[in-house]
């Protein structure tokens, strides 16, 4: 239908031109010294129309040439961008850097500039070409300032891989200045930076944020938080007042975690506060059984050893064949000079699980009782266990 309309319009135009030519008797005089050219108006109009079409076709031809070059440049830029990304994820960092640098010169699109600069920077980092890496990051900053999130995330990640946690935290601070809710990947980068810096309070805050994020491993978050509390306790083990305050303010859930309780117990033992150490163990064992806590229960002894024996015997009803608990009871009874009970508990521990620690405890007990031959025998047996473990 459209073709028919175009044909009708063309025939109408032809008829109009023919009629105009029939009745148009005018002339056009062109003076170009020293020449004078006289043309009929019809010929002049036809010539003018031909010149217009020639000019139009020339413009279209030039535009087509430039457009072709532009399209070709754009297609090549896209191809090199994809080549660079593919090579980077294949681990071919030299090729990735080369392709990205070529695409960087060809493209004018800001987002593509940022992506190419980041791929080139990451590849240069893998190749340990650090000056090149910094140059590409600077290019992203100068030529694609609106894509600062992409650049700063990359910059932070590369700084962390170099162990430059202070610089990484500065980059993250710059990133946070944009405002808004940060991606989980960004929070994980800060978590890594704060762990490297030993800022354990900040790590605890970040784990609280991560715990509220969907599709994130809650068990992993809890482990990270436990580790942060553990490190904080280790740092405070040099000062009893600081340790007491920190332990008092610690959430109940964390106090009942055996690893944290072990750290607190060791800290209190180092500071010579046996009463606090044993109290931590007693509170933790009720929530989570841990052999190391039971072993620590006999390492800090004092006037309250009799009460410890009573407490451990209560635990023994729930764990009648626990070698660690029997060994601990044997040591506690030895300290209180309950020789018969001590020997029974230590021999019971050996019958459940023979080991160096129980033989050593029995050797020491027999020395106190004047049974030197038995003591030497247990020393030898304990030594055999130690040598066997070394082999």
Protein backbone atom coordinates (compact mmCIF):
# COMPACT_ATOMS: atom_id res chain seq x y z
CA UNK A 1 0.00 0.00 0.00
CA UNK A 2 2.81 2.43 0.90
CA UNK A 3 4.55 1.69 -2.43
CA UNK A 4 1.37 2.54 -4.34
CA UNK A 5 1.07 5.87 -2.51
CA UNK A 6 4.72 6.69 -3.27
CA UNK A 7 4.16 5.91 -6.98
CA UNK A 8 1.03 8.09 -7.11
CA UNK A 9 2.93 10.92 -5.43
CA UNK A 10 5.81 10.53 -7.91
CA UNK A 11 3.45 10.62 -10.93
CA UNK A 12 1.69 13.67 -9.50
CA UNK A 13 5.04 15.42 -9.04
CA UNK A 14 6.02 14.52 -12.63
CA UNK A 15 2.75 15.97 -13.97
CA UNK A 16 3.24 19.12 -11.90
CA UNK A 17 6.80 19.58 -13.18
CA UNK A 18 5.67 19.03 -16.81
CA UNK A 19 2.90 21.60 -16.51
CA UNK A 20 5.21 24.06 -14.83
CA UNK A 21 7.77 23.62 -17.57
CA UNK A 22 5.14 24.17 -20.28
CA UNK A 23 3.92 27.46 -18.93
CA UNK A 24 7.18 28.72 -17.43
CA UNK A 25 8.97 30.95 -20.02
CA UNK A 26 11.27 32.77 -17.62
CA UNK A 27 15.08 33.03 -17.92
CA UNK A 28 17.96 33.21 -15.45
CA UNK A 29 21.03 35.36 -16.08
CA UNK A 30 24.25 34.32 -14.37
CA UNK A 31 27.09 36.84 -14.46
CA UNK A 32 30.60 35.60 -13.60
CA UNK A 33 32.99 38.24 -14.96
CA UNK A 34 34.03 38.15 -17.68
CA UNK A 35 31.33 35.55 -18.51
CA UNK A 36 27.57 35.93 -18.84
CA UNK A 37 25.42 32.81 -18.89
CA UNK A 38 21.73 32.94 -19.72
CA UNK A 39 19.62 29.89 -18.91
CA UNK A 40 15.96 29.15 -19.09
CA UNK A 41 14.34 29.00 -15.70
CA UNK A 42 13.36 25.36 -16.25
CA UNK A 43 16.95 24.25 -16.91
CA UNK A 44 18.17 26.26 -13.91
CA UNK A 45 15.62 24.62 -11.64
CA UNK A 46 16.50 21.16 -12.93
CA UNK A 47 20.21 21.89 -12.42
CA UNK A 48 19.54 23.19 -8.94
CA UNK A 49 17.58 20.04 -8.14
CA UNK A 50 20.37 17.83 -9.51
CA UNK A 51 22.97 19.74 -7.48
CA UNK A 52 20.86 19.29 -4.37
CA UNK A 53 20.64 15.54 -4.93
CA UNK A 54 24.38 15.28 -5.63
CA UNK A 55 25.11 17.23 -2.43
CA UNK A 56 22.67 15.05 -0.49
CA UNK A 57 24.25 11.84 -1.79
CA UNK A 58 27.75 13.12 -0.95
CA UNK A 59 26.70 13.95 2.60
CA UNK A 60 25.05 10.54 3.00
CA UNK A 61 28.17 8.85 1.64
CA UNK A 62 30.47 10.68 4.05
CA UNK A 63 28.10 10.00 6.95
CA UNK A 64 28.02 6.34 5.99
CA UNK A 65 31.81 6.16 5.94
CA UNK A 66 32.13 7.84 9.34
CA UNK A 67 29.24 5.80 10.71
CA UNK A 68 30.83 2.61 9.50
CA UNK A 69 34.11 3.51 11.16
CA UNK A 70 32.28 4.38 14.38
CA UNK A 71 30.30 1.12 14.33
CA UNK A 72 33.46 -0.84 13.56
CA UNK A 73 35.29 0.86 16.44
CA UNK A 74 32.39 0.14 18.79
CA UNK A 75 32.17 -3.52 17.76
CA UNK A 76 35.92 -3.97 18.21
CA UNK A 77 35.75 -2.32 21.65
CA UNK A 78 32.97 -4.72 22.68
CA UNK A 79 34.89 -7.70 21.34
CA UNK A 80 38.08 -6.75 23.20
CA UNK A 81 36.10 -6.13 26.40
CA UNK A 82 34.57 -9.60 26.27
CA UNK A 83 37.94 -11.10 25.35
CA UNK A 84 39.53 -9.43 28.37
CA UNK A 85 36.83 -10.62 30.77
CA UNK A 86 37.02 -14.17 29.42
CA UNK A 87 40.82 -14.25 29.61
CA UNK A 88 40.77 -12.89 33.18
CA UNK A 89 38.43 -15.60 34.45
CA UNK A 90 40.48 -18.20 32.58
CA UNK A 91 43.54 -17.02 34.49
CA UNK A 92 45.32 -15.69 31.38
CA UNK A 93 46.15 -12.35 33.00
CA UNK A 94 48.63 -11.14 30.37
CA UNK A 95 46.04 -11.54 27.61
CA UNK A 96 43.32 -10.05 29.78
CA UNK A 97 45.40 -6.93 30.47
CA UNK A 98 46.28 -6.52 26.78
CA UNK A 99 42.68 -6.91 25.60
CA UNK A 100 41.31 -4.58 28.26
CA UNK A 101 43.92 -1.91 27.49
CA UNK A 102 43.00 -2.03 23.76
CA UNK A 103 39.29 -1.79 24.57
CA UNK A 104 40.05 1.11 26.90
CA UNK A 105 41.48 3.11 23.98
CA UNK A 106 38.57 2.31 21.67
CA UNK A 107 35.53 2.90 23.87
CA UNK A 108 33.95 6.20 24.84
CA UNK A 109 31.25 4.77 27.09
CA UNK A 110 31.99 5.57 30.74
CA UNK A 111 30.82 2.24 32.13
CA UNK A 112 32.91 0.32 29.60
CA UNK A 113 35.91 2.50 30.43
CA UNK A 114 35.53 1.63 34.13
CA UNK A 115 35.10 -2.11 33.45
CA UNK A 116 38.12 -2.23 31.14
CA UNK A 117 40.27 -0.26 33.58
CA UNK A 118 39.28 -2.59 36.44
CA UNK A 119 40.00 -5.75 34.40
CA UNK A 120 43.37 -4.33 33.37
CA UNK A 121 44.16 -3.31 36.98
CA UNK A 122 43.23 -6.70 38.40
CA UNK A 123 45.28 -8.46 35.73
CA UNK A 124 48.30 -6.23 36.34
CA UNK A 125 47.99 -6.96 40.07
CA UNK A 126 48.04 -10.70 39.39
CA UNK A 127 51.13 -10.18 37.24
CA UNK A 128 52.71 -8.11 40.07
CA UNK A 129 52.90 -5.07 37.78
CA UNK A 130 51.87 -2.71 40.54
CA UNK A 131 52.69 0.57 38.80
CA UNK A 132 50.52 -0.50 35.84
CA UNK A 133 47.76 -1.51 38.27
CA UNK A 134 47.78 1.94 39.88
CA UNK A 135 47.79 3.63 36.46
CA UNK A 136 44.65 1.78 35.37
CA UNK A 137 42.87 2.59 38.64
CA UNK A 138 43.79 6.25 38.15
CA UNK A 139 42.36 6.08 34.62
CA UNK A 140 39.08 4.73 35.99
CA UNK A 141 38.96 7.55 38.52
CA UNK A 142 39.67 10.30 35.98
CA UNK A 143 37.69 9.10 32.96
CA UNK A 144 34.74 7.38 34.67
CA UNK A 145 34.18 9.25 37.97
CA UNK A 146 30.54 8.14 38.18
CA UNK A 147 31.62 4.49 38.40
CA UNK A 148 33.43 5.03 41.70
CA UNK A 149 31.80 2.02 43.41
CA UNK A 150 33.31 -0.39 40.89
CA UNK A 151 36.73 1.25 41.23
CA UNK A 152 36.72 1.49 45.03
CA UNK A 153 35.59 -2.11 45.54
CA UNK A 154 38.39 -3.29 43.25
CA UNK A 155 40.91 -0.98 44.92
CA UNK A 156 39.93 -2.25 48.39
CA UNK A 157 40.16 -5.89 47.37
CA UNK A 158 43.62 -5.42 45.84
CA UNK A 159 44.85 -3.51 48.91
CA UNK A 160 43.66 -6.29 51.20
CA UNK A 161 45.43 -8.92 49.10
CA UNK A 162 48.64 -6.92 49.72
CA UNK A 163 47.92 -6.80 53.46
CA UNK A 164 47.42 -3.01 53.38
CA UNK A 165 44.43 -2.98 55.72
CA UNK A 166 44.73 0.72 56.67
CA UNK A 167 44.61 1.79 53.02
CA UNK A 168 41.71 -0.62 52.44
CA UNK A 169 39.77 0.92 55.34
CA UNK A 170 40.36 4.39 53.86
CA UNK A 171 39.05 3.21 50.49
CA UNK A 172 35.97 1.75 52.19
CA UNK A 173 35.41 5.02 54.03
CA UNK A 174 35.42 6.79 50.67
CA UNK A 175 32.96 4.22 49.36
CA UNK A 176 30.63 4.61 52.36
CA UNK A 177 30.50 8.36 51.79
CA UNK A 178 28.16 7.68 48.85
CA UNK A 179 25.56 6.56 51.41
CA UNK A 180 22.91 3.90 51.01
CA UNK A 181 22.81 0.22 51.95
CA UNK A 182 26.11 -1.48 51.20
CA UNK A 183 26.31 -4.83 49.43
CA UNK A 184 27.18 -7.93 51.45
CA UNK A 185 30.41 -8.28 49.45
CA UNK A 186 31.47 -4.80 50.62
CA UNK A 187 30.69 -5.70 54.26
CA UNK A 188 32.83 -8.82 53.87
CA UNK A 189 35.70 -6.70 52.55
CA UNK A 190 35.51 -4.48 55.63
CA UNK A 191 35.31 -7.57 57.81
CA UNK A 192 38.56 -8.82 56.29
CA UNK A 193 40.18 -5.40 56.75
CA UNK A 194 39.10 -5.14 60.39
CA UNK A 195 40.37 -8.67 61.08
CA UNK A 196 43.74 -7.80 59.56
CA UNK A 197 43.83 -4.64 61.68
CA UNK A 198 42.86 -6.55 64.84
CA UNK A 199 39.83 -4.31 65.43
CA UNK A 200 37.78 -7.05 67.07
CA UNK A 201 34.98 -4.82 68.36
CA UNK A 202 34.38 -3.66 64.77
CA UNK A 203 34.39 -7.31 63.64
CA UNK A 204 31.65 -8.09 66.18
CA UNK A 205 29.54 -5.19 64.88
CA UNK A 206 29.96 -6.36 61.29
CA UNK A 207 28.92 -9.93 62.15
CA UNK A 208 25.72 -8.51 63.63
CA UNK A 209 25.03 -6.77 60.31
CA UNK A 210 25.80 -9.93 58.32
CA UNK A 211 23.53 -12.00 60.55
CA UNK A 212 20.60 -9.91 59.33
CA UNK A 213 21.41 -10.48 55.66
CA UNK A 214 19.52 -13.14 53.73
CA UNK A 215 21.35 -16.01 52.03
CA UNK A 216 24.33 -15.72 54.38
CA UNK A 217 25.66 -18.62 56.41
CA UNK A 218 24.56 -17.95 60.01
CA UNK A 219 26.90 -20.62 61.38
CA UNK A 220 29.85 -18.93 59.71
CA UNK A 221 28.79 -15.56 61.17
CA UNK A 222 28.64 -17.02 64.68
CA UNK A 223 32.09 -18.55 64.28
CA UNK A 224 33.50 -15.19 63.17
CA UNK A 225 31.92 -13.48 66.17
CA UNK A 226 33.19 -16.15 68.59
CA UNK A 227 36.69 -15.72 67.16
CA UNK A 228 36.48 -11.94 67.68
CA UNK A 229 35.45 -12.40 71.34
CA UNK A 230 38.23 -14.96 71.70
CA UNK A 231 40.84 -12.49 70.37
CA UNK A 232 39.50 -9.69 72.57
CA UNK A 233 39.89 -11.86 75.66
CA UNK A 234 43.47 -12.73 74.67
CA UNK A 235 44.28 -9.02 74.33
CA UNK A 236 42.85 -8.29 77.77
CA UNK A 237 44.66 -11.17 79.51
CA UNK A 238 47.41 -8.82 80.71
CA UNK A 239 45.10 -6.81 82.98
CA UNK A 240 42.75 -8.38 85.52
CA UNK A 241 40.46 -5.35 85.78
CA UNK A 242 39.97 -5.14 82.00
CA UNK A 243 39.40 -8.89 81.77
CA UNK A 244 36.84 -8.86 84.61
CA UNK A 245 34.91 -6.00 83.02
CA UNK A 246 34.95 -7.57 79.55
CA UNK A 247 33.85 -10.97 80.84
CA UNK A 248 31.07 -9.41 82.92
CA UNK A 249 29.65 -7.54 79.89
CA UNK A 250 29.93 -10.53 77.57
CA UNK A 251 26.57 -11.96 76.34
CA UNK A 252 25.51 -15.20 78.05
CA UNK A 253 25.53 -17.07 74.75
CA UNK A 254 29.19 -16.20 74.23
CA UNK A 255 30.16 -17.11 77.81
CA UNK A 256 28.78 -20.58 77.22
CA UNK A 257 30.86 -21.11 74.10
CA UNK A 258 33.64 -23.53 75.05
CA UNK A 259 36.36 -21.88 72.93
CA UNK A 260 35.69 -18.47 74.49
CA UNK A 261 35.51 -20.07 77.94
CA UNK A 262 38.89 -21.75 77.34
CA UNK A 263 40.43 -18.39 76.37
CA UNK A 264 39.00 -16.73 79.49
CA UNK A 265 40.12 -19.61 81.72
CA UNK A 266 43.67 -19.47 80.41
CA UNK A 267 43.73 -15.70 80.85
CA UNK A 268 42.58 -15.97 84.48
CA UNK A 269 45.10 -18.75 85.18
CA UNK A 270 47.89 -16.57 83.73
CA UNK A 271 46.79 -13.72 86.01
CA UNK A 272 46.68 -16.12 88.99
CA UNK A 273 42.95 -15.80 89.63
CA UNK A 274 42.09 -19.48 90.09
CA UNK A 275 38.68 -18.82 91.58
CA UNK A 276 37.52 -16.87 88.51
CA UNK A 277 39.09 -19.47 86.17
CA UNK A 278 37.24 -22.33 87.83
CA UNK A 279 33.99 -20.39 87.89
CA UNK A 280 34.23 -19.86 84.12
CA UNK A 281 34.79 -23.61 83.62
CA UNK A 282 31.86 -24.59 85.85
CA UNK A 283 29.48 -22.24 84.02
CA UNK A 284 30.62 -23.42 80.61
CA UNK A 285 30.63 -27.19 81.27
CA UNK A 286 26.96 -27.05 82.19
CA UNK A 287 26.21 -25.69 78.70
CA UNK A 288 28.85 -27.37 76.49
CA UNK A 289 31.13 -30.28 77.37
CA UNK A 290 34.76 -29.77 76.33
CA UNK A 291 37.70 -32.05 77.31
CA UNK A 292 40.15 -29.13 77.33
CA UNK A 293 38.04 -27.28 79.91
CA UNK A 294 38.00 -30.37 82.12
CA UNK A 295 41.79 -30.63 81.83
CA UNK A 296 42.20 -26.95 82.77
CA UNK A 297 40.04 -27.53 85.87
CA UNK A 298 43.00 -29.16 87.65
CA UNK A 299 45.66 -26.68 86.56
CA UNK A 300 44.83 -23.89 88.99
CA UNK A 301 44.56 -25.33 92.52
CA UNK A 302 44.07 -23.67 95.88
CA UNK A 303 42.02 -23.75 99.03
CA UNK A 304 38.84 -24.45 97.03
CA UNK A 305 40.06 -27.81 95.67
CA UNK A 306 37.64 -29.76 97.87
CA UNK A 307 34.71 -27.88 96.36
CA UNK A 308 36.13 -28.65 92.89
CA UNK A 309 36.16 -32.36 93.75
CA UNK A 310 32.48 -32.19 94.72
CA UNK A 311 31.63 -30.39 91.48
CA UNK A 312 33.64 -32.82 89.32
CA UNK A 313 32.01 -35.84 91.00
CA UNK A 314 28.62 -34.42 90.03
CA UNK A 315 29.82 -34.25 86.43
CA UNK A 316 31.10 -37.83 86.72
CA UNK A 317 27.55 -39.09 87.23
CA UNK A 318 26.71 -37.78 83.75
CA UNK A 319 30.08 -38.84 82.26
CA UNK A 320 31.07 -42.02 84.19
CA UNK A 321 33.67 -43.22 81.67
CA UNK A 322 35.25 -39.92 80.73
CA UNK A 323 39.05 -40.34 80.88
CA UNK A 324 39.69 -36.59 81.09
CA UNK A 325 37.28 -36.15 84.01
CA UNK A 326 38.71 -39.16 85.86
CA UNK A 327 42.24 -37.81 85.36
CA UNK A 328 41.19 -34.37 86.63
CA UNK A 329 39.56 -35.93 89.71
CA UNK A 330 42.74 -37.93 90.35
CA UNK A 331 44.84 -34.75 90.26
CA UNK A 332 42.40 -32.88 92.52
CA UNK A 333 42.41 -35.73 95.06
CA UNK A 334 46.21 -35.88 94.95
CA UNK A 335 46.36 -32.17 95.76
CA UNK A 336 44.00 -32.71 98.70
CA UNK A 337 46.07 -35.76 99.81
CA UNK A 338 43.16 -38.13 99.30
CA UNK A 339 45.61 -40.83 98.21
CA UNK A 340 43.20 -43.75 97.87
CA UNK A 341 40.61 -41.83 95.84
CA UNK A 342 43.37 -40.28 93.74
CA UNK A 343 44.82 -43.68 92.83
CA UNK A 344 41.39 -45.11 92.01
CA UNK A 345 40.51 -42.20 89.72
CA UNK A 346 43.88 -42.23 87.94
CA UNK A 347 43.84 -45.99 87.38
CA UNK A 348 40.25 -45.73 86.11
CA UNK A 349 41.37 -43.04 83.66
CA UNK A 350 44.16 -45.31 82.39
CA UNK A 351 41.75 -48.22 81.94
CA UNK A 352 39.43 -46.05 79.83
CA UNK A 353 42.12 -44.34 77.76
CA UNK A 354 45.84 -45.00 78.38
CA UNK A 355 48.01 -41.93 77.93
CA UNK A 356 51.08 -40.01 79.01
CA UNK A 357 49.22 -37.58 81.32
CA UNK A 358 47.64 -40.32 83.46
CA UNK A 359 50.95 -42.25 83.77
CA UNK A 360 52.72 -39.04 84.80
CA UNK A 361 50.07 -38.28 87.44
CA UNK A 362 50.34 -41.82 88.84
CA UNK A 363 54.14 -41.56 88.88
CA UNK A 364 53.95 -38.33 90.89
CA UNK A 365 51.40 -39.86 93.26
CA UNK A 366 53.59 -42.93 93.90
CA UNK A 367 56.59 -40.67 94.52
CA UNK A 368 54.64 -38.89 97.26
CA UNK A 369 53.68 -42.27 98.72
CA UNK A 370 57.31 -43.42 98.65
CA UNK A 371 56.66 -46.11 96.03
CA UNK A 372 59.63 -45.23 93.86
CA UNK A 373 59.68 -48.42 91.74
CA UNK A 374 56.05 -47.91 90.74
CA UNK A 375 56.77 -44.26 90.07
CA UNK A 376 59.68 -45.16 87.74
CA UNK A 377 57.49 -47.73 85.98
CA UNK A 378 54.80 -45.12 85.26
CA UNK A 379 57.41 -42.59 84.15
CA UNK A 380 58.74 -45.13 81.64
CA UNK A 381 55.28 -46.00 80.36
CA UNK A 382 54.44 -42.34 79.98
CA UNK A 383 57.67 -41.78 78.06
CA UNK A 384 56.80 -44.64 75.68
CA UNK A 385 53.45 -42.98 74.92
CA UNK A 386 55.21 -39.68 74.23
CA UNK A 387 57.76 -41.30 71.90
CA UNK A 388 55.01 -43.21 70.12
CA UNK A 389 53.11 -39.96 69.46
CA UNK A 390 56.26 -38.29 68.15
CA UNK A 391 56.76 -41.14 65.66
